[in-house]
Amino acid sequence: MPGFVDLFSTTQIQIIVALIGIDVVLGILGAVAKKEFRFGKLGGFLKGSVLGYVFGYGVLELVAEGIPSLAFLLPAAFLLIVISLVASLFRNLNKLGLPLPGSEKR
Protein backbone atom coordinates (compact mmCIF):
# COMPACT_ATOMS: atom_id res chain seq x y z
CA MET A 1 0.00 0.00 0.00
CA PRO A 2 1.45 3.38 -0.97
CA GLY A 3 2.18 6.01 1.64
CA PHE A 4 -0.08 9.02 2.02
CA VAL A 5 2.42 11.32 0.31
CA ASP A 6 2.95 8.85 -2.53
CA LEU A 7 -0.79 8.68 -3.10
CA PHE A 8 -1.00 12.41 -3.76
CA SER A 9 2.15 12.68 -5.84
CA THR A 10 0.80 10.94 -8.94
CA THR A 11 0.75 12.76 -12.25
CA GLN A 12 -3.04 12.64 -12.32
CA ILE A 13 -3.35 14.35 -8.93
CA GLN A 14 -0.78 16.95 -10.00
CA ILE A 15 -2.82 17.71 -13.14
CA ILE A 16 -6.03 17.96 -11.11
CA VAL A 17 -4.39 20.32 -8.59
CA ALA A 18 -2.91 22.45 -11.39
CA LEU A 19 -6.32 22.76 -13.08
CA ILE A 20 -7.94 23.67 -9.76
CA GLY A 21 -5.28 26.33 -9.19
CA ILE A 22 -5.78 27.84 -12.65
CA ASP A 23 -9.54 27.69 -12.17
CA VAL A 24 -9.30 29.50 -8.82
CA VAL A 25 -7.15 32.27 -10.28
CA LEU A 26 -9.46 32.72 -13.29
CA GLY A 27 -12.51 32.58 -11.03
CA ILE A 28 -11.09 35.31 -8.78
CA LEU A 29 -10.21 37.47 -11.78
CA GLY A 30 -13.69 36.96 -13.26
CA ALA A 31 -15.41 37.77 -9.96
CA VAL A 32 -13.28 40.90 -9.48
CA ALA A 33 -13.99 41.99 -13.06
CA LYS A 34 -17.75 41.60 -12.48
CA LYS A 35 -17.49 43.10 -8.97
CA GLU A 36 -18.87 39.89 -7.46
CA PHE A 37 -15.83 38.77 -5.45
CA ARG A 38 -16.59 37.32 -1.99
CA PHE A 39 -14.07 35.53 0.23
CA GLY A 40 -16.80 33.11 1.39
CA LYS A 41 -17.35 31.89 -2.16
CA LEU A 42 -13.62 31.27 -2.54
CA GLY A 43 -13.55 29.16 0.62
CA GLY A 44 -16.58 27.18 -0.54
CA PHE A 45 -15.05 26.53 -3.94
CA LEU A 46 -11.76 25.33 -2.48
CA LYS A 47 -13.53 23.04 -0.04
CA GLY A 48 -15.69 21.54 -2.78
CA SER A 49 -13.02 21.15 -5.45
CA VAL A 50 -10.13 20.04 -3.31
CA LEU A 51 -12.13 17.63 -1.19
CA GLY A 52 -14.26 16.37 -4.04
CA TYR A 53 -11.70 16.02 -6.79
CA VAL A 54 -8.32 15.53 -5.14
CA PHE A 55 -9.30 13.43 -2.16
CA GLY A 56 -12.01 11.64 -4.11
CA TYR A 57 -9.52 10.62 -6.77
CA GLY A 58 -6.99 9.65 -4.09
CA VAL A 59 -9.53 7.36 -2.41
CA LEU A 60 -10.41 5.87 -5.78
CA GLU A 61 -6.70 5.11 -6.32
CA LEU A 62 -6.64 3.27 -2.99
CA VAL A 63 -9.78 1.33 -3.84
CA ALA A 64 -8.36 0.38 -7.25
CA GLU A 65 -5.19 -0.84 -5.58
CA GLY A 66 -7.13 -2.88 -3.04
CA ILE A 67 -9.61 -4.24 -5.60
CA PRO A 68 -7.72 -4.51 -8.91
CA SER A 69 -10.86 -5.38 -10.85
CA LEU A 70 -12.01 -1.77 -10.28
CA ALA A 71 -8.83 -0.24 -11.72
CA PHE A 72 -10.70 0.55 -14.95
CA LEU A 73 -12.50 3.30 -13.02
CA LEU A 74 -9.35 5.39 -12.58
CA PRO A 75 -8.97 6.62 -16.18
CA ALA A 76 -12.70 7.25 -16.47
CA ALA A 77 -12.81 9.21 -13.21
CA PHE A 78 -9.73 11.20 -14.21
CA LEU A 79 -11.25 12.06 -17.58
CA LEU A 80 -14.53 13.19 -16.00
CA ILE A 81 -12.70 15.34 -13.45
CA VAL A 82 -10.56 16.97 -16.15
CA ILE A 83 -13.62 17.63 -18.34
CA SER A 84 -15.42 19.21 -15.38
CA LEU A 85 -12.46 21.43 -14.52
CA VAL A 86 -11.90 22.49 -18.14
CA ALA A 87 -15.59 23.40 -18.43
CA SER A 88 -15.21 25.54 -15.31
CA LEU A 89 -12.12 27.18 -16.83
CA PHE A 90 -14.15 28.06 -19.93
CA ARG A 91 -16.94 29.53 -17.78
CA ASN A 92 -14.40 31.67 -15.95
CA LEU A 93 -12.79 32.81 -19.20
CA ASN A 94 -16.26 33.75 -20.42
CA LYS A 95 -16.77 35.83 -17.24
CA LEU A 96 -13.60 37.70 -18.15
CA GLY A 97 -15.21 38.64 -21.46
CA LEU A 98 -13.33 36.21 -23.67
CA PRO A 99 -15.70 35.11 -26.42
CA LEU A 100 -15.78 31.34 -26.59
CA PRO A 101 -17.62 29.10 -29.05
CA GLY A 102 -21.02 28.07 -27.77
CA SER A 103 -21.10 30.76 -25.10
CA GLU A 104 -23.63 32.96 -26.86
CA LYS A 105 -26.73 33.70 -24.85
CA ARG A 106 -29.94 32.41 -26.38
C-alpha atoms as a PDB file:
ATOM      1  CA  MET A   1       0.000   0.000   0.000  1.00  0.00           C
ATOM      2  CA  PRO A   2       1.448   3.384  -0.969  1.00  0.00           C
ATOM      3  CA  GLY A   3       2.177   6.010   1.644  1.00  0.00           C
ATOM      4  CA  PHE A   4      -0.085   9.024   2.024  1.00  0.00           C
ATOM      5  CA  VAL A   5       2.416  11.321   0.307  1.00  0.00           C
ATOM      6  CA  ASP A   6       2.949   8.845  -2.533  1.00  0.00           C
ATOM      7  CA  LEU A   7      -0.787   8.676  -3.098  1.00  0.00           C
ATOM      8  CA  PHE A   8      -1.003  12.408  -3.757  1.00  0.00           C
ATOM      9  CA  SER A   9       2.151  12.682  -5.840  1.00  0.00           C
ATOM     10  CA  THR A  10       0.803  10.940  -8.939  1.00  0.00           C
ATOM     11  CA  THR A  11       0.749  12.756 -12.253  1.00  0.00           C
ATOM     12  CA  GLN A  12      -3.043  12.639 -12.321  1.00  0.00           C
ATOM     13  CA  ILE A  13      -3.346  14.350  -8.926  1.00  0.00           C
ATOM     14  CA  GLN A  14      -0.780  16.952  -9.999  1.00  0.00           C
ATOM     15  CA  ILE A  15      -2.816  17.714 -13.136  1.00  0.00           C
ATOM     16  CA  ILE A  16      -6.030  17.960 -11.109  1.00  0.00           C
ATOM     17  CA  VAL A  17      -4.394  20.318  -8.588  1.00  0.00           C
ATOM     18  CA  ALA A  18      -2.909  22.452 -11.385  1.00  0.00           C
ATOM     19  CA  LEU A  19      -6.316  22.756 -13.084  1.00  0.00           C
ATOM     20  CA  ILE A  20      -7.937  23.667  -9.759  1.00  0.00           C
ATOM     21  CA  GLY A  21      -5.276  26.332  -9.193  1.00  0.00           C
ATOM     22  CA  ILE A  22      -5.784  27.837 -12.648  1.00  0.00           C
ATOM     23  CA  ASP A  23      -9.545  27.693 -12.169  1.00  0.00           C
ATOM     24  CA  VAL A  24      -9.303  29.504  -8.816  1.00  0.00           C
ATOM     25  CA  VAL A  25      -7.152  32.273 -10.284  1.00  0.00           C
ATOM     26  CA  LEU A  26      -9.463  32.724 -13.286  1.00  0.00           C
ATOM     27  CA  GLY A  27     -12.507  32.580 -11.025  1.00  0.00           C
ATOM     28  CA  ILE A  28     -11.092  35.306  -8.778  1.00  0.00           C
ATOM     29  CA  LEU A  29     -10.212  37.469 -11.777  1.00  0.00           C
ATOM     30  CA  GLY A  30     -13.687  36.955 -13.256  1.00  0.00           C
ATOM     31  CA  ALA A  31     -15.405  37.771  -9.961  1.00  0.00           C
ATOM     32  CA  VAL A  32     -13.282  40.897  -9.481  1.00  0.00           C
ATOM     33  CA  ALA A  33     -13.994  41.990 -13.056  1.00  0.00           C
ATOM     34  CA  LYS A  34     -17.750  41.598 -12.482  1.00  0.00           C
ATOM     35  CA  LYS A  35     -17.490  43.100  -8.973  1.00  0.00           C
ATOM     36  CA  GLU A  36     -18.872  39.891  -7.458  1.00  0.00           C
ATOM     37  CA  PHE A  37     -15.831  38.772  -5.446  1.00  0.00           C
ATOM     38  CA  ARG A  38     -16.592  37.323  -1.991  1.00  0.00           C
ATOM     39  CA  PHE A  39     -14.075  35.528   0.230  1.00  0.00           C
ATOM     40  CA  GLY A  40     -16.803  33.114   1.388  1.00  0.00           C
ATOM     41  CA  LYS A  41     -17.350  31.891  -2.160  1.00  0.00           C
ATOM     42  CA  LEU A  42     -13.621  31.273  -2.536  1.00  0.00           C
ATOM     43  CA  GLY A  43     -13.553  29.158   0.615  1.00  0.00           C
ATOM     44  CA  GLY A  44     -16.581  27.175  -0.542  1.00  0.00           C
ATOM     45  CA  PHE A  45     -15.047  26.527  -3.941  1.00  0.00           C
ATOM     46  CA  LEU A  46     -11.761  25.328  -2.483  1.00  0.00           C
ATOM     47  CA  LYS A  47     -13.526  23.039  -0.043  1.00  0.00           C
ATOM     48  CA  GLY A  48     -15.689  21.543  -2.781  1.00  0.00           C
ATOM     49  CA  SER A  49     -13.018  21.152  -5.446  1.00  0.00           C
ATOM     50  CA  VAL A  50     -10.131  20.038  -3.308  1.00  0.00           C
ATOM     51  CA  LEU A  51     -12.133  17.627  -1.189  1.00  0.00           C
ATOM     52  CA  GLY A  52     -14.255  16.373  -4.045  1.00  0.00           C
ATOM     53  CA  TYR A  53     -11.705  16.025  -6.786  1.00  0.00           C
ATOM     54  CA  VAL A  54      -8.320  15.534  -5.138  1.00  0.00           C
ATOM     55  CA  PHE A  55      -9.304  13.433  -2.157  1.00  0.00           C
ATOM     56  CA  GLY A  56     -12.006  11.637  -4.107  1.00  0.00           C
ATOM     57  CA  TYR A  57      -9.520  10.616  -6.771  1.00  0.00           C
ATOM     58  CA  GLY A  58      -6.994   9.648  -4.088  1.00  0.00           C
ATOM     59  CA  VAL A  59      -9.529   7.363  -2.413  1.00  0.00           C
ATOM     60  CA  LEU A  60     -10.407   5.868  -5.781  1.00  0.00           C
ATOM     61  CA  GLU A  61      -6.702   5.108  -6.320  1.00  0.00           C
ATOM     62  CA  LEU A  62      -6.636   3.274  -2.988  1.00  0.00           C
ATOM     63  CA  VAL A  63      -9.779   1.326  -3.843  1.00  0.00           C
ATOM     64  CA  ALA A  64      -8.362   0.378  -7.250  1.00  0.00           C
ATOM     65  CA  GLU A  65      -5.190  -0.844  -5.584  1.00  0.00           C
ATOM     66  CA  GLY A  66      -7.132  -2.883  -3.042  1.00  0.00           C
ATOM     67  CA  ILE A  67      -9.613  -4.244  -5.604  1.00  0.00           C
ATOM     68  CA  PRO A  68      -7.717  -4.513  -8.906  1.00  0.00           C
ATOM     69  CA  SER A  69     -10.863  -5.382 -10.845  1.00  0.00           C
ATOM     70  CA  LEU A  70     -12.012  -1.767 -10.283  1.00  0.00           C
ATOM     71  CA  ALA A  71      -8.832  -0.243 -11.721  1.00  0.00           C
ATOM     72  CA  PHE A  72     -10.699   0.550 -14.948  1.00  0.00           C
ATOM     73  CA  LEU A  73     -12.504   3.305 -13.020  1.00  0.00           C
ATOM     74  CA  LEU A  74      -9.346   5.390 -12.584  1.00  0.00           C
ATOM     75  CA  PRO A  75      -8.967   6.616 -16.180  1.00  0.00           C
ATOM     76  CA  ALA A  76     -12.704   7.246 -16.471  1.00  0.00           C
ATOM     77  CA  ALA A  77     -12.807   9.214 -13.210  1.00  0.00           C
ATOM     78  CA  PHE A  78      -9.725  11.201 -14.205  1.00  0.00           C
ATOM     79  CA  LEU A  79     -11.247  12.057 -17.576  1.00  0.00           C
ATOM     80  CA  LEU A  80     -14.527  13.186 -15.999  1.00  0.00           C
ATOM     81  CA  ILE A  81     -12.696  15.343 -13.451  1.00  0.00           C
ATOM     82  CA  VAL A  82     -10.561  16.974 -16.153  1.00  0.00           C
ATOM     83  CA  ILE A  83     -13.620  17.631 -18.340  1.00  0.00           C
ATOM     84  CA  SER A  84     -15.422  19.206 -15.383  1.00  0.00           C
ATOM     85  CA  LEU A  85     -12.464  21.433 -14.522  1.00  0.00           C
ATOM     86  CA  VAL A  86     -11.899  22.488 -18.145  1.00  0.00           C
ATOM     87  CA  ALA A  87     -15.586  23.398 -18.427  1.00  0.00           C
ATOM     88  CA  SER A  88     -15.208  25.538 -15.312  1.00  0.00           C
ATOM     89  CA  LEU A  89     -12.119  27.179 -16.831  1.00  0.00           C
ATOM     90  CA  PHE A  90     -14.153  28.058 -19.933  1.00  0.00           C
ATOM     91  CA  ARG A  91     -16.942  29.531 -17.780  1.00  0.00           C
ATOM     92  CA  ASN A  92     -14.403  31.675 -15.948  1.00  0.00           C
ATOM     93  CA  LEU A  93     -12.790  32.808 -19.199  1.00  0.00           C
ATOM     94  CA  ASN A  94     -16.258  33.750 -20.417  1.00  0.00           C
ATOM     95  CA  LYS A  95     -16.770  35.826 -17.238  1.00  0.00           C
ATOM     96  CA  LEU A  96     -13.604  37.695 -18.150  1.00  0.00           C
ATOM     97  CA  GLY A  97     -15.213  38.643 -21.461  1.00  0.00           C
ATOM     98  CA  LEU A  98     -13.328  36.212 -23.665  1.00  0.00           C
ATOM     99  CA  PRO A  99     -15.704  35.108 -26.420  1.00  0.00           C
ATOM    100  CA  LEU A 100     -15.778  31.338 -26.591  1.00  0.00           C
ATOM    101  CA  PRO A 101     -17.615  29.098 -29.048  1.00  0.00           C
ATOM    102  CA  GLY A 102     -21.017  28.067 -27.770  1.00  0.00           C
ATOM    103  CA  SER A 103     -21.100  30.758 -25.098  1.00  0.00           C
ATOM    104  CA  GLU A 104     -23.627  32.961 -26.865  1.00  0.00           C
ATOM    105  CA  LYS A 105     -26.735  33.699 -24.850  1.00  0.00           C
ATOM    106  CA  ARG A 106     -29.942  32.406 -26.383  1.00  0.00           C
END
